[in-house]
Amino acid sequence: MDWILVLAGLGIGIIVGLTGMGGGALMTPMLVIFFGIPPLAAVSSDLVVSAIMKPVGGLVHIRRRTVHWSLVGWLCLGSVPCAFAGVLLLRALGDGEGLQHGIKVALGVALLLAAAGLVFRTYTRMAEHAARRRAVAAGADPASVAAPPEAPLRARPLPTVLIGAVGGLIVGMTSVGSGSLIIIALLMLYPLLRPAFLVGTDLVQAVPLVTAAAIGHLLFGDFRLDLTASLLLGAVPGAWIGAQFSSRAPGGLVRRALTLVLLASALKLLGMPDIPLLVILVGLVVGGSLGWMATRRRHGLPALARTELREPQQQAEQPAEPVKIGGGP
């Protein structure tokens, strides 16, 4: 048992418990960059951890009835076979140094997409909050603005299956995307889907997706029991601890830090030297903060967020998101 790995899993579990994001997107690059684990072994172990953890979050949302089952079915139709196919594609590419390098590059690209998705999701939430404030200022009922009646949602089978297929292939090859990428694609395809249903649907569809990918890696990947056991020993209590503080944590600040970590991990995996990487990160912290404050002002919000209204559905969503491990900003 590697107790350093246990502590690393604990830290990632706490982050996931606080934000509901970043399990696979943090765990796999952490194993590769800081512990020197071969990329294929890191992906295999992370997916097995996810397959054990994700059903917990899915059950929470099933019990709360915040799952759009039609979307789950169409997503799984594409994601489950493609997740297994992603593992077979890795096996077909061989098992030498070239394969390990290819996984690192694919993982770096997936992390860049995940970071971009987090920025997009944060922006849409800010824009929605600004729209609610303007509606209240114009005389609308705050209760009706914060919790609009749920409109019937019709599934769009073909694009939903395609989202599942692309997401499943990426998850099977990199372990990233079951939460961070697919949830962003769902948000773009179904903008009227309420946040709690968005998260619940994503979590439930991720269970068979990650399970298929994990089975593929158990059969054809580089699964290591000692590595996976150490990660689980830390991640499970970490996610529980993070969940206890999720309602009081500065979620916006944690999400921005998570985005920066994803970006740094991606650039490192893609081979960027340390000094240019540090310069880029400092520039993003300064320039991104100034740009974000300017964007908030353009939407009629104060440059620095203080206390923002929370929708009832977001409050219901908060306890359920934290158990999401292995997929996701």
C-alpha atoms as a PDB file:
ATOM      1  CA  MET A   1       0.000   0.000   0.000  1.00  0.00           C
ATOM      2  CA  ASP A   2       1.465   3.344  -1.096  1.00  0.00           C
ATOM      3  CA  TRP A   3       0.338   5.893   1.509  1.00  0.00           C
ATOM      4  CA  ILE A   4       1.429   8.840  -0.646  1.00  0.00           C
ATOM      5  CA  LEU A   5      -0.992   7.633  -3.307  1.00  0.00           C
ATOM      6  CA  VAL A   6      -3.669   7.271  -0.617  1.00  0.00           C
ATOM      7  CA  LEU A   7      -3.134  10.910   0.403  1.00  0.00           C
ATOM      8  CA  ALA A   8      -3.212  12.005  -3.243  1.00  0.00           C
ATOM      9  CA  GLY A   9      -6.485  10.134  -3.722  1.00  0.00           C
ATOM     10  CA  LEU A  10      -7.822  11.776  -0.567  1.00  0.00           C
ATOM     11  CA  GLY A  11      -7.017  15.247  -1.937  1.00  0.00           C
ATOM     12  CA  ILE A  12      -8.659  14.552  -5.272  1.00  0.00           C
ATOM     13  CA  GLY A  13     -11.662  13.013  -3.534  1.00  0.00           C
ATOM     14  CA  ILE A  14     -12.092  16.196  -1.474  1.00  0.00           C
ATOM     15  CA  ILE A  15     -11.950  18.356  -4.621  1.00  0.00           C
ATOM     16  CA  VAL A  16     -14.541  16.157  -6.295  1.00  0.00           C
ATOM     17  CA  GLY A  17     -16.683  16.264  -3.173  1.00  0.00           C
ATOM     18  CA  LEU A  18     -16.555  20.068  -3.138  1.00  0.00           C
ATOM     19  CA  THR A  19     -17.209  20.666  -6.825  1.00  0.00           C
ATOM     20  CA  GLY A  20     -18.555  17.473  -8.388  1.00  0.00           C
ATOM     21  CA  MET A  21     -15.854  17.796 -11.053  1.00  0.00           C
ATOM     22  CA  GLY A  22     -12.334  16.796 -11.833  1.00  0.00           C
ATOM     23  CA  GLY A  23     -12.063  13.133 -10.826  1.00  0.00           C
ATOM     24  CA  GLY A  24     -10.541  11.552 -13.911  1.00  0.00           C
ATOM     25  CA  ALA A  25      -9.311  14.870 -15.265  1.00  0.00           C
ATOM     26  CA  LEU A  26      -7.140  15.275 -12.161  1.00  0.00           C
ATOM     27  CA  MET A  27      -6.341  11.709 -11.155  1.00  0.00           C
ATOM     28  CA  THR A  28      -4.907  10.417 -14.429  1.00  0.00           C
ATOM     29  CA  PRO A  29      -2.540  13.352 -15.111  1.00  0.00           C
ATOM     30  CA  MET A  30      -1.503  13.340 -11.436  1.00  0.00           C
ATOM     31  CA  LEU A  31      -0.478   9.698 -11.712  1.00  0.00           C
ATOM     32  CA  VAL A  32       1.426  10.320 -14.942  1.00  0.00           C
ATOM     33  CA  ILE A  33       3.146  13.609 -14.057  1.00  0.00           C
ATOM     34  CA  PHE A  34       3.922  13.296 -10.335  1.00  0.00           C
ATOM     35  CA  PHE A  35       4.131   9.536  -9.765  1.00  0.00           C
ATOM     36  CA  GLY A  36       5.613   8.448 -13.085  1.00  0.00           C
ATOM     37  CA  ILE A  37       2.876   5.864 -13.687  1.00  0.00           C
ATOM     38  CA  PRO A  38       2.747   4.753 -17.344  1.00  0.00           C
ATOM     39  CA  PRO A  39      -0.214   6.477 -19.061  1.00  0.00           C
ATOM     40  CA  LEU A  40      -2.022   3.240 -19.912  1.00  0.00           C
ATOM     41  CA  ALA A  41      -1.810   1.996 -16.303  1.00  0.00           C
ATOM     42  CA  ALA A  42      -3.015   5.390 -15.018  1.00  0.00           C
ATOM     43  CA  VAL A  43      -6.031   5.355 -17.355  1.00  0.00           C
ATOM     44  CA  SER A  44      -6.877   1.737 -16.472  1.00  0.00           C
ATOM     45  CA  SER A  45      -6.752   2.278 -12.713  1.00  0.00           C
ATOM     46  CA  ASP A  46      -8.640   5.563 -12.861  1.00  0.00           C
ATOM     47  CA  LEU A  47     -11.492   3.992 -14.827  1.00  0.00           C
ATOM     48  CA  VAL A  48     -11.844   1.128 -12.347  1.00  0.00           C
ATOM     49  CA  VAL A  49     -11.977   3.667  -9.493  1.00  0.00           C
ATOM     50  CA  SER A  50     -14.653   5.592 -11.398  1.00  0.00           C
ATOM     51  CA  ALA A  51     -16.708   2.457 -12.049  1.00  0.00           C
ATOM     52  CA  ILE A  52     -16.859   1.846  -8.290  1.00  0.00           C
ATOM     53  CA  MET A  53     -17.582   5.472  -7.311  1.00  0.00           C
ATOM     54  CA  LYS A  54     -20.036   6.719  -9.930  1.00  0.00           C
ATOM     55  CA  PRO A  55     -23.044   4.518  -9.007  1.00  0.00           C
ATOM     56  CA  VAL A  56     -23.221   6.329  -5.653  1.00  0.00           C
ATOM     57  CA  GLY A  57     -23.917   9.668  -7.309  1.00  0.00           C
ATOM     58  CA  GLY A  58     -26.280   8.076  -9.793  1.00  0.00           C
ATOM     59  CA  LEU A  59     -28.369   6.508  -7.025  1.00  0.00           C
ATOM     60  CA  VAL A  60     -28.699   9.877  -5.283  1.00  0.00           C
ATOM     61  CA  HIS A  61     -30.180  11.445  -8.406  1.00  0.00           C
ATOM     62  CA  ILE A  62     -32.409   8.447  -9.148  1.00  0.00           C
ATOM     63  CA  ARG A  63     -33.843   8.731  -5.645  1.00  0.00           C
ATOM     64  CA  ARG A  64     -34.459  12.460  -6.192  1.00  0.00           C
ATOM     65  CA  ARG A  65     -35.974  11.806  -9.634  1.00  0.00           C
ATOM     66  CA  THR A  66     -33.611  14.245 -11.325  1.00  0.00           C
ATOM     67  CA  VAL A  67     -32.749  11.963 -14.240  1.00  0.00           C
ATOM     68  CA  HIS A  68     -33.982  12.305 -17.828  1.00  0.00           C
ATOM     69  CA  TRP A  69     -34.169   8.620 -18.700  1.00  0.00           C
ATOM     70  CA  SER A  70     -34.742   9.107 -22.404  1.00  0.00           C
ATOM     71  CA  LEU A  71     -31.477  11.025 -22.715  1.00  0.00           C
ATOM     72  CA  VAL A  72     -29.692   8.358 -20.641  1.00  0.00           C
ATOM     73  CA  GLY A  73     -30.836   5.670 -23.061  1.00  0.00           C
ATOM     74  CA  TRP A  74     -29.756   7.507 -26.210  1.00  0.00           C
ATOM     75  CA  LEU A  75     -26.398   8.503 -24.689  1.00  0.00           C
ATOM     76  CA  CYS A  76     -25.635   4.934 -23.613  1.00  0.00           C
ATOM     77  CA  LEU A  77     -26.531   3.627 -27.056  1.00  0.00           C
ATOM     78  CA  GLY A  78     -23.524   5.509 -28.377  1.00  0.00           C
ATOM     79  CA  SER A  79     -21.203   5.655 -25.369  1.00  0.00           C
ATOM     80  CA  VAL A  80     -21.103   2.058 -24.110  1.00  0.00           C
ATOM     81  CA  PRO A  81     -19.916   0.341 -27.327  1.00  0.00           C
ATOM     82  CA  CYS A  82     -17.600   3.230 -28.199  1.00  0.00           C
ATOM     83  CA  ALA A  83     -15.992   3.190 -24.737  1.00  0.00           C
ATOM     84  CA  PHE A  84     -15.122  -0.473 -25.218  1.00  0.00           C
ATOM     85  CA  ALA A  85     -14.020   0.282 -28.779  1.00  0.00           C
ATOM     86  CA  GLY A  86     -11.686   2.973 -27.437  1.00  0.00           C
ATOM     87  CA  VAL A  87      -9.890   0.344 -25.360  1.00  0.00           C
ATOM     88  CA  LEU A  88      -9.643  -1.996 -28.358  1.00  0.00           C
ATOM     89  CA  LEU A  89      -8.257   0.878 -30.432  1.00  0.00           C
ATOM     90  CA  LEU A  90      -5.529   1.404 -27.845  1.00  0.00           C
ATOM     91  CA  ARG A  91      -4.704  -2.303 -27.933  1.00  0.00           C
ATOM     92  CA  ALA A  92      -4.558  -2.255 -31.740  1.00  0.00           C
ATOM     93  CA  LEU A  93      -2.010   0.561 -31.601  1.00  0.00           C
ATOM     94  CA  GLY A  94       0.427  -1.686 -29.730  1.00  0.00           C
ATOM     95  CA  ASP A  95       1.969  -1.524 -26.283  1.00  0.00           C
ATOM     96  CA  GLY A  96       5.313   0.177 -26.835  1.00  0.00           C
ATOM     97  CA  GLU A  97       6.666   3.634 -26.150  1.00  0.00           C
ATOM     98  CA  GLY A  98       4.729   5.060 -29.077  1.00  0.00           C
ATOM     99  CA  LEU A  99       1.431   4.000 -27.511  1.00  0.00           C
ATOM    100  CA  GLN A 100       2.292   5.561 -24.156  1.00  0.00           C
ATOM    101  CA  HIS A 101       3.228   8.820 -25.885  1.00  0.00           C
ATOM    102  CA  GLY A 102       0.012   8.729 -27.908  1.00  0.00           C
ATOM    103  CA  ILE A 103      -2.051   8.336 -24.734  1.00  0.00           C
ATOM    104  CA  LYS A 104      -0.268  11.309 -23.151  1.00  0.00           C
ATOM    105  CA  VAL A 105      -1.042  13.477 -26.180  1.00  0.00           C
ATOM    106  CA  ALA A 106      -4.685  12.338 -26.283  1.00  0.00           C
ATOM    107  CA  LEU A 107      -4.996  12.972 -22.549  1.00  0.00           C
ATOM    108  CA  GLY A 108      -3.500  16.458 -22.930  1.00  0.00           C
ATOM    109  CA  VAL A 109      -5.993  17.340 -25.680  1.00  0.00           C
ATOM    110  CA  ALA A 110      -8.895  15.948 -23.624  1.00  0.00           C
ATOM    111  CA  LEU A 111      -7.826  18.067 -20.639  1.00  0.00           C
ATOM    112  CA  LEU A 112      -7.675  21.183 -22.823  1.00  0.00           C
ATOM    113  CA  LEU A 113     -11.241  20.467 -23.966  1.00  0.00           C
ATOM    114  CA  ALA A 114     -12.316  19.871 -20.362  1.00  0.00           C
ATOM    115  CA  ALA A 115     -10.794  23.191 -19.230  1.00  0.00           C
ATOM    116  CA  ALA A 116     -12.519  25.011 -22.103  1.00  0.00           C
ATOM    117  CA  GLY A 117     -15.776  23.314 -21.149  1.00  0.00           C
ATOM    118  CA  LEU A 118     -15.482  24.495 -17.547  1.00  0.00           C
ATOM    119  CA  VAL A 119     -14.921  28.073 -18.728  1.00  0.00           C
ATOM    120  CA  PHE A 120     -17.966  27.831 -21.000  1.00  0.00           C
ATOM    121  CA  ARG A 121     -20.146  26.380 -18.246  1.00  0.00           C
ATOM    122  CA  THR A 122     -19.059  29.075 -15.784  1.00  0.00           C
ATOM    123  CA  TYR A 123     -19.801  31.791 -18.333  1.00  0.00           C
ATOM    124  CA  THR A 124     -23.297  30.474 -19.068  1.00  0.00           C
ATOM    125  CA  ARG A 125     -24.101  30.327 -15.353  1.00  0.00           C
ATOM    126  CA  MET A 126     -22.909  33.906 -14.914  1.00  0.00           C
ATOM    127  CA  ALA A 127     -24.975  35.074 -17.906  1.00  0.00           C
ATOM    128  CA  GLU A 128     -28.074  33.320 -16.537  1.00  0.00           C
ATOM    129  CA  HIS A 129     -27.544  34.938 -13.136  1.00  0.00           C
ATOM    130  CA  ALA A 130     -27.211  38.368 -14.772  1.00  0.00           C
ATOM    131  CA  ALA A 131     -30.428  37.770 -16.714  1.00  0.00           C
ATOM    132  CA  ARG A 132     -32.266  36.877 -13.506  1.00  0.00           C
ATOM    133  CA  ARG A 133     -31.020  40.031 -11.808  1.00  0.00           C
ATOM    134  CA  ARG A 134     -32.209  42.161 -14.720  1.00  0.00           C
ATOM    135  CA  ALA A 135     -35.610  40.450 -14.659  1.00  0.00           C
ATOM    136  CA  VAL A 136     -35.998  41.081 -10.921  1.00  0.00           C
ATOM    137  CA  ALA A 137     -34.959  44.718 -11.390  1.00  0.00           C
ATOM    138  CA  ALA A 138     -37.647  45.032 -14.079  1.00  0.00           C
ATOM    139  CA  GLY A 139     -40.314  43.900 -11.620  1.00  0.00           C
ATOM    140  CA  ALA A 140     -40.473  40.137 -12.132  1.00  0.00           C
ATOM    141  CA  ASP A 141     -41.276  37.833  -9.209  1.00  0.00           C
ATOM    142  CA  PRO A 142     -37.920  36.638  -7.780  1.00  0.00           C
ATOM    143  CA  ALA A 143     -39.329  33.167  -7.050  1.00  0.00           C
ATOM    144  CA  SER A 144     -40.512  32.650 -10.618  1.00  0.00           C
ATOM    145  CA  VAL A 145     -37.201  33.942 -11.983  1.00  0.00           C
ATOM    146  CA  ALA A 146     -35.089  31.689  -9.749  1.00  0.00           C
ATOM    147  CA  ALA A 147     -37.159  28.560 -10.393  1.00  0.00           C
ATOM    148  CA  PRO A 148     -38.920  28.713 -13.758  1.00  0.00           C
ATOM    149  CA  PRO A 149     -41.427  25.943 -14.478  1.00  0.00           C
ATOM    150  CA  GLU A 150     -39.821  22.969 -16.153  1.00  0.00           C
ATOM    151  CA  ALA A 151     -40.706  22.782 -19.835  1.00  0.00           C
ATOM    152  CA  PRO A 152     -41.228  19.371 -21.477  1.00  0.00           C
ATOM    153  CA  LEU A 153     -38.005  18.286 -23.094  1.00  0.00           C
ATOM    154  CA  ARG A 154     -37.954  16.170 -26.228  1.00  0.00           C
ATOM    155  CA  ALA A 155     -34.882  14.043 -26.830  1.00  0.00           C
ATOM    156  CA  ARG A 156     -33.006  14.495 -30.102  1.00  0.00           C
ATOM    157  CA  PRO A 157     -31.863  10.923 -30.762  1.00  0.00           C
ATOM    158  CA  LEU A 158     -29.193  11.290 -33.469  1.00  0.00           C
ATOM    159  CA  PRO A 159     -27.127  14.146 -31.960  1.00  0.00           C
ATOM    160  CA  THR A 160     -27.519  12.620 -28.480  1.00  0.00           C
ATOM    161  CA  VAL A 161     -26.191   9.251 -29.668  1.00  0.00           C
ATOM    162  CA  LEU A 162     -23.305  11.051 -31.394  1.00  0.00           C
ATOM    163  CA  ILE A 163     -22.439  12.880 -28.158  1.00  0.00           C
ATOM    164  CA  GLY A 164     -22.396   9.550 -26.346  1.00  0.00           C
ATOM    165  CA  ALA A 165     -20.274   7.908 -29.053  1.00  0.00           C
ATOM    166  CA  VAL A 166     -17.619  10.637 -29.132  1.00  0.00           C
ATOM    167  CA  GLY A 167     -17.581  10.905 -25.335  1.00  0.00           C
ATOM    168  CA  GLY A 168     -17.351   7.135 -24.932  1.00  0.00           C
ATOM    169  CA  LEU A 169     -14.418   6.879 -27.334  1.00  0.00           C
ATOM    170  CA  ILE A 170     -12.536   9.631 -25.479  1.00  0.00           C
ATOM    171  CA  VAL A 171     -13.264   8.059 -22.088  1.00  0.00           C
ATOM    172  CA  GLY A 172     -12.132   4.629 -23.247  1.00  0.00           C
ATOM    173  CA  MET A 173      -8.806   6.047 -24.439  1.00  0.00           C
ATOM    174  CA  THR A 174      -8.066   8.694 -21.786  1.00  0.00           C
ATOM    175  CA  SER A 175     -10.514   8.197 -18.834  1.00  0.00           C
ATOM    176  CA  VAL A 176     -11.447  11.905 -19.216  1.00  0.00           C
ATOM    177  CA  GLY A 177     -14.823  13.111 -20.413  1.00  0.00           C
ATOM    178  CA  SER A 178     -17.602  11.083 -18.769  1.00  0.00           C
ATOM    179  CA  GLY A 179     -18.513  14.207 -16.802  1.00  0.00           C
ATOM    180  CA  SER A 180     -16.569  17.212 -17.993  1.00  0.00           C
ATOM    181  CA  LEU A 181     -17.014  16.837 -21.765  1.00  0.00           C
ATOM    182  CA  ILE A 182     -20.378  15.081 -22.050  1.00  0.00           C
ATOM    183  CA  ILE A 183     -22.103  17.425 -19.606  1.00  0.00           C
ATOM    184  CA  ILE A 184     -20.946  20.448 -21.629  1.00  0.00           C
ATOM    185  CA  ALA A 185     -22.209  18.876 -24.854  1.00  0.00           C
ATOM    186  CA  LEU A 186     -25.574  18.180 -23.185  1.00  0.00           C
ATOM    187  CA  LEU A 187     -25.748  21.773 -21.980  1.00  0.00           C
ATOM    188  CA  MET A 188     -25.223  23.032 -25.528  1.00  0.00           C
ATOM    189  CA  LEU A 189     -27.712  20.595 -27.097  1.00  0.00           C
ATOM    190  CA  TYR A 190     -30.381  20.978 -24.378  1.00  0.00           C
ATOM    191  CA  PRO A 191     -30.021  24.523 -22.960  1.00  0.00           C
ATOM    192  CA  LEU A 192     -33.419  24.282 -21.207  1.00  0.00           C
ATOM    193  CA  LEU A 193     -32.470  21.187 -19.215  1.00  0.00           C
ATOM    194  CA  ARG A 194     -32.481  22.184 -15.543  1.00  0.00           C
ATOM    195  CA  PRO A 195     -29.109  21.982 -13.745  1.00  0.00           C
ATOM    196  CA  ALA A 196     -30.148  19.182 -11.387  1.00  0.00           C
ATOM    197  CA  PHE A 197     -31.410  17.092 -14.326  1.00  0.00           C
ATOM    198  CA  LEU A 198     -28.298  17.930 -16.322  1.00  0.00           C
ATOM    199  CA  VAL A 199     -26.026  16.592 -13.580  1.00  0.00           C
ATOM    200  CA  GLY A 200     -28.286  13.650 -12.722  1.00  0.00           C
ATOM    201  CA  THR A 201     -28.600  12.537 -16.330  1.00  0.00           C
ATOM    202  CA  ASP A 202     -24.858  12.822 -16.853  1.00  0.00           C
ATOM    203  CA  LEU A 203     -24.049  10.842 -13.705  1.00  0.00           C
ATOM    204  CA  VAL A 204     -26.457   8.007 -14.483  1.00  0.00           C
ATOM    205  CA  GLN A 205     -25.361   7.631 -18.110  1.00  0.00           C
ATOM    206  CA  ALA A 206     -21.732   7.658 -16.943  1.00  0.00           C
ATOM    207  CA  VAL A 207     -22.228   4.479 -14.884  1.00  0.00           C
ATOM    208  CA  PRO A 208     -22.581   2.041 -17.836  1.00  0.00           C
ATOM    209  CA  LEU A 209     -20.145   4.145 -19.881  1.00  0.00           C
ATOM    210  CA  VAL A 210     -17.324   3.987 -17.338  1.00  0.00           C
ATOM    211  CA  THR A 211     -18.147   0.371 -16.475  1.00  0.00           C
ATOM    212  CA  ALA A 212     -17.741  -0.640 -20.139  1.00  0.00           C
ATOM    213  CA  ALA A 213     -14.438   1.234 -20.355  1.00  0.00           C
ATOM    214  CA  ALA A 214     -13.249  -0.284 -17.062  1.00  0.00           C
ATOM    215  CA  ILE A 215     -14.090  -3.818 -18.220  1.00  0.00           C
ATOM    216  CA  GLY A 216     -12.189  -3.163 -21.426  1.00  0.00           C
ATOM    217  CA  HIS A 217      -9.137  -2.005 -19.486  1.00  0.00           C
ATOM    218  CA  LEU A 218      -9.373  -4.953 -17.089  1.00  0.00           C
ATOM    219  CA  LEU A 219      -9.250  -7.273 -20.106  1.00  0.00           C
ATOM    220  CA  PHE A 220      -6.876  -5.437 -22.423  1.00  0.00           C
ATOM    221  CA  GLY A 221      -5.355  -2.516 -20.519  1.00  0.00           C
ATOM    222  CA  ASP A 222      -2.738  -2.297 -17.780  1.00  0.00           C
ATOM    223  CA  PHE A 223      -4.797  -2.589 -14.597  1.00  0.00           C
ATOM    224  CA  ARG A 224      -2.801  -2.591 -11.345  1.00  0.00           C
ATOM    225  CA  LEU A 225      -4.642  -3.720  -8.226  1.00  0.00           C
ATOM    226  CA  ASP A 226      -2.248  -2.147  -5.707  1.00  0.00           C
ATOM    227  CA  LEU A 227      -2.458   1.244  -7.449  1.00  0.00           C
ATOM    228  CA  THR A 228      -6.250   1.155  -7.668  1.00  0.00           C
ATOM    229  CA  ALA A 229      -6.669   0.041  -4.050  1.00  0.00           C
ATOM    230  CA  SER A 230      -4.488   2.907  -2.804  1.00  0.00           C
ATOM    231  CA  LEU A 231      -6.480   5.452  -4.800  1.00  0.00           C
ATOM    232  CA  LEU A 232      -9.824   4.085  -3.607  1.00  0.00           C
ATOM    233  CA  LEU A 233      -8.692   4.064   0.014  1.00  0.00           C
ATOM    234  CA  GLY A 234      -8.130   7.815  -0.182  1.00  0.00           C
ATOM    235  CA  ALA A 235     -10.735   8.911  -2.723  1.00  0.00           C
ATOM    236  CA  VAL A 236     -13.799   7.378  -1.058  1.00  0.00           C
ATOM    237  CA  PRO A 237     -13.466   9.168   2.317  1.00  0.00           C
ATOM    238  CA  GLY A 238     -12.150  12.275   0.514  1.00  0.00           C
ATOM    239  CA  ALA A 239     -15.318  12.551  -1.563  1.00  0.00           C
ATOM    240  CA  TRP A 240     -17.413  12.138   1.586  1.00  0.00           C
ATOM    241  CA  ILE A 241     -15.436  14.842   3.426  1.00  0.00           C
ATOM    242  CA  GLY A 242     -15.708  17.231   0.483  1.00  0.00           C
ATOM    243  CA  ALA A 243     -19.447  16.610   0.270  1.00  0.00           C
ATOM    244  CA  GLN A 244     -19.904  17.746   3.856  1.00  0.00           C
ATOM    245  CA  PHE A 245     -18.444  21.158   3.008  1.00  0.00           C
ATOM    246  CA  SER A 246     -19.868  21.487  -0.498  1.00  0.00           C
ATOM    247  CA  SER A 247     -22.647  23.882   0.488  1.00  0.00           C
ATOM    248  CA  ARG A 248     -20.217  26.231   2.269  1.00  0.00           C
ATOM    249  CA  ALA A 249     -17.229  26.063  -0.086  1.00  0.00           C
ATOM    250  CA  PRO A 250     -16.450  28.980  -2.447  1.00  0.00           C
ATOM    251  CA  GLY A 251     -17.486  26.984  -5.499  1.00  0.00           C
ATOM    252  CA  GLY A 252     -16.537  29.645  -8.046  1.00  0.00           C
ATOM    253  CA  LEU A 253     -13.027  29.946  -6.674  1.00  0.00           C
ATOM    254  CA  VAL A 254     -12.551  26.168  -6.572  1.00  0.00           C
ATOM    255  CA  ARG A 255     -13.783  25.838 -10.181  1.00  0.00           C
ATOM    256  CA  ARG A 256     -11.359  28.519 -11.383  1.00  0.00           C
ATOM    257  CA  ALA A 257      -8.476  26.797  -9.599  1.00  0.00           C
ATOM    258  CA  LEU A 258      -9.572  23.482 -11.110  1.00  0.00           C
ATOM    259  CA  THR A 259      -9.590  25.006 -14.597  1.00  0.00           C
ATOM    260  CA  LEU A 260      -6.050  26.287 -14.077  1.00  0.00           C
ATOM    261  CA  VAL A 261      -4.882  22.869 -12.857  1.00  0.00           C
ATOM    262  CA  LEU A 262      -6.451  21.156 -15.878  1.00  0.00           C
ATOM    263  CA  LEU A 263      -4.755  23.588 -18.228  1.00  0.00           C
ATOM    264  CA  ALA A 264      -1.373  23.200 -16.531  1.00  0.00           C
ATOM    265  CA  SER A 265      -1.672  19.397 -16.620  1.00  0.00           C
ATOM    266  CA  ALA A 266      -2.639  19.455 -20.291  1.00  0.00           C
ATOM    267  CA  LEU A 267       0.289  21.647 -21.331  1.00  0.00           C
ATOM    268  CA  LYS A 268       2.711  19.555 -19.286  1.00  0.00           C
ATOM    269  CA  LEU A 269       1.465  16.328 -20.864  1.00  0.00           C
ATOM    270  CA  LEU A 270       1.851  17.927 -24.291  1.00  0.00           C
ATOM    271  CA  GLY A 271       5.517  18.544 -23.516  1.00  0.00           C
ATOM    272  CA  MET A 272       5.705  22.244 -22.645  1.00  0.00           C
ATOM    273  CA  PRO A 273       8.867  23.180 -20.644  1.00  0.00           C
ATOM    274  CA  ASP A 274       8.473  24.432 -17.081  1.00  0.00           C
ATOM    275  CA  ILE A 275       9.481  28.105 -17.584  1.00  0.00           C
ATOM    276  CA  PRO A 276       7.122  28.845 -20.532  1.00  0.00           C
ATOM    277  CA  LEU A 277       4.389  26.937 -18.685  1.00  0.00           C
ATOM    278  CA  LEU A 278       4.845  29.113 -15.589  1.00  0.00           C
ATOM    279  CA  VAL A 279       4.777  32.315 -17.689  1.00  0.00           C
ATOM    280  CA  ILE A 280       1.559  31.206 -19.406  1.00  0.00           C
ATOM    281  CA  LEU A 281      -0.134  30.320 -16.120  1.00  0.00           C
ATOM    282  CA  VAL A 282       0.800  33.641 -14.489  1.00  0.00           C
ATOM    283  CA  GLY A 283      -0.444  35.493 -17.558  1.00  0.00           C
ATOM    284  CA  LEU A 284      -3.714  33.574 -17.462  1.00  0.00           C
ATOM    285  CA  VAL A 285      -4.229  34.275 -13.758  1.00  0.00           C
ATOM    286  CA  VAL A 286      -3.708  38.023 -14.243  1.00  0.00           C
ATOM    287  CA  GLY A 287      -5.281  38.448 -17.667  1.00  0.00           C
ATOM    288  CA  GLY A 288      -8.093  35.989 -16.979  1.00  0.00           C
ATOM    289  CA  SER A 289      -9.037  37.728 -13.731  1.00  0.00           C
ATOM    290  CA  LEU A 290      -9.151  41.156 -15.403  1.00  0.00           C
ATOM    291  CA  GLY A 291     -11.071  39.779 -18.362  1.00  0.00           C
ATOM    292  CA  TRP A 292     -13.587  38.032 -16.120  1.00  0.00           C
ATOM    293  CA  MET A 293     -14.214  41.194 -14.108  1.00  0.00           C
ATOM    294  CA  ALA A 294     -14.765  43.139 -17.340  1.00  0.00           C
ATOM    295  CA  THR A 295     -17.178  40.460 -18.573  1.00  0.00           C
ATOM    296  CA  ARG A 296     -19.182  40.624 -15.345  1.00  0.00           C
ATOM    297  CA  ARG A 297     -19.444  44.407 -15.651  1.00  0.00           C
ATOM    298  CA  ARG A 298     -20.684  44.100 -19.243  1.00  0.00           C
ATOM    299  CA  HIS A 299     -23.475  41.847 -17.954  1.00  0.00           C
ATOM    300  CA  GLY A 300     -24.435  44.372 -15.270  1.00  0.00           C
ATOM    301  CA  LEU A 301     -22.865  42.476 -12.366  1.00  0.00           C
ATOM    302  CA  PRO A 302     -20.286  43.741  -9.864  1.00  0.00           C
ATOM    303  CA  ALA A 303     -16.720  43.015 -10.953  1.00  0.00           C
ATOM    304  CA  LEU A 304     -16.105  40.927  -7.833  1.00  0.00           C
ATOM    305  CA  ALA A 305     -18.785  38.393  -6.948  1.00  0.00           C
ATOM    306  CA  ARG A 306     -19.923  38.597  -3.350  1.00  0.00           C
ATOM    307  CA  THR A 307     -23.229  36.905  -2.627  1.00  0.00           C
ATOM    308  CA  GLU A 308     -25.105  35.474  -5.558  1.00  0.00           C
ATOM    309  CA  LEU A 309     -28.582  34.032  -5.672  1.00  0.00           C
ATOM    310  CA  ARG A 310     -28.693  30.244  -5.724  1.00  0.00           C
ATOM    311  CA  GLU A 311     -31.553  28.538  -7.488  1.00  0.00           C
ATOM    312  CA  PRO A 312     -33.446  25.889  -5.532  1.00  0.00           C
ATOM    313  CA  GLN A 313     -32.536  23.320  -8.187  1.00  0.00           C
ATOM    314  CA  GLN A 314     -28.854  24.177  -7.782  1.00  0.00           C
ATOM    315  CA  GLN A 315     -29.189  23.656  -4.048  1.00  0.00           C
ATOM    316  CA  ALA A 316     -30.723  20.283  -4.715  1.00  0.00           C
ATOM    317  CA  GLU A 317     -27.958  19.516  -7.159  1.00  0.00           C
ATOM    318  CA  GLN A 318     -25.113  20.368  -4.816  1.00  0.00           C
ATOM    319  CA  PRO A 319     -25.047  17.296  -2.555  1.00  0.00           C
ATOM    320  CA  ALA A 320     -25.366  14.928  -5.505  1.00  0.00           C
ATOM    321  CA  GLU A 321     -22.523  16.248  -7.634  1.00  0.00           C
ATOM    322  CA  PRO A 322     -19.671  15.665  -5.195  1.00  0.00           C
ATOM    323  CA  VAL A 323     -19.499  11.890  -5.625  1.00  0.00           C
ATOM    324  CA  LYS A 324     -18.561  12.246  -9.283  1.00  0.00           C
ATOM    325  CA  ILE A 325     -15.150  10.722  -9.747  1.00  0.00           C
ATOM    326  CA  GLY A 326     -13.389   9.820 -12.995  1.00  0.00           C
ATOM    327  CA  GLY A 327     -14.705  12.004 -15.670  1.00  0.00           C
ATOM    328  CA  GLY A 328     -14.786  15.556 -15.333  1.00  0.00           C
ATOM    329  CA  PRO A 329     -14.567  19.172 -14.819  1.00  0.00           C
END
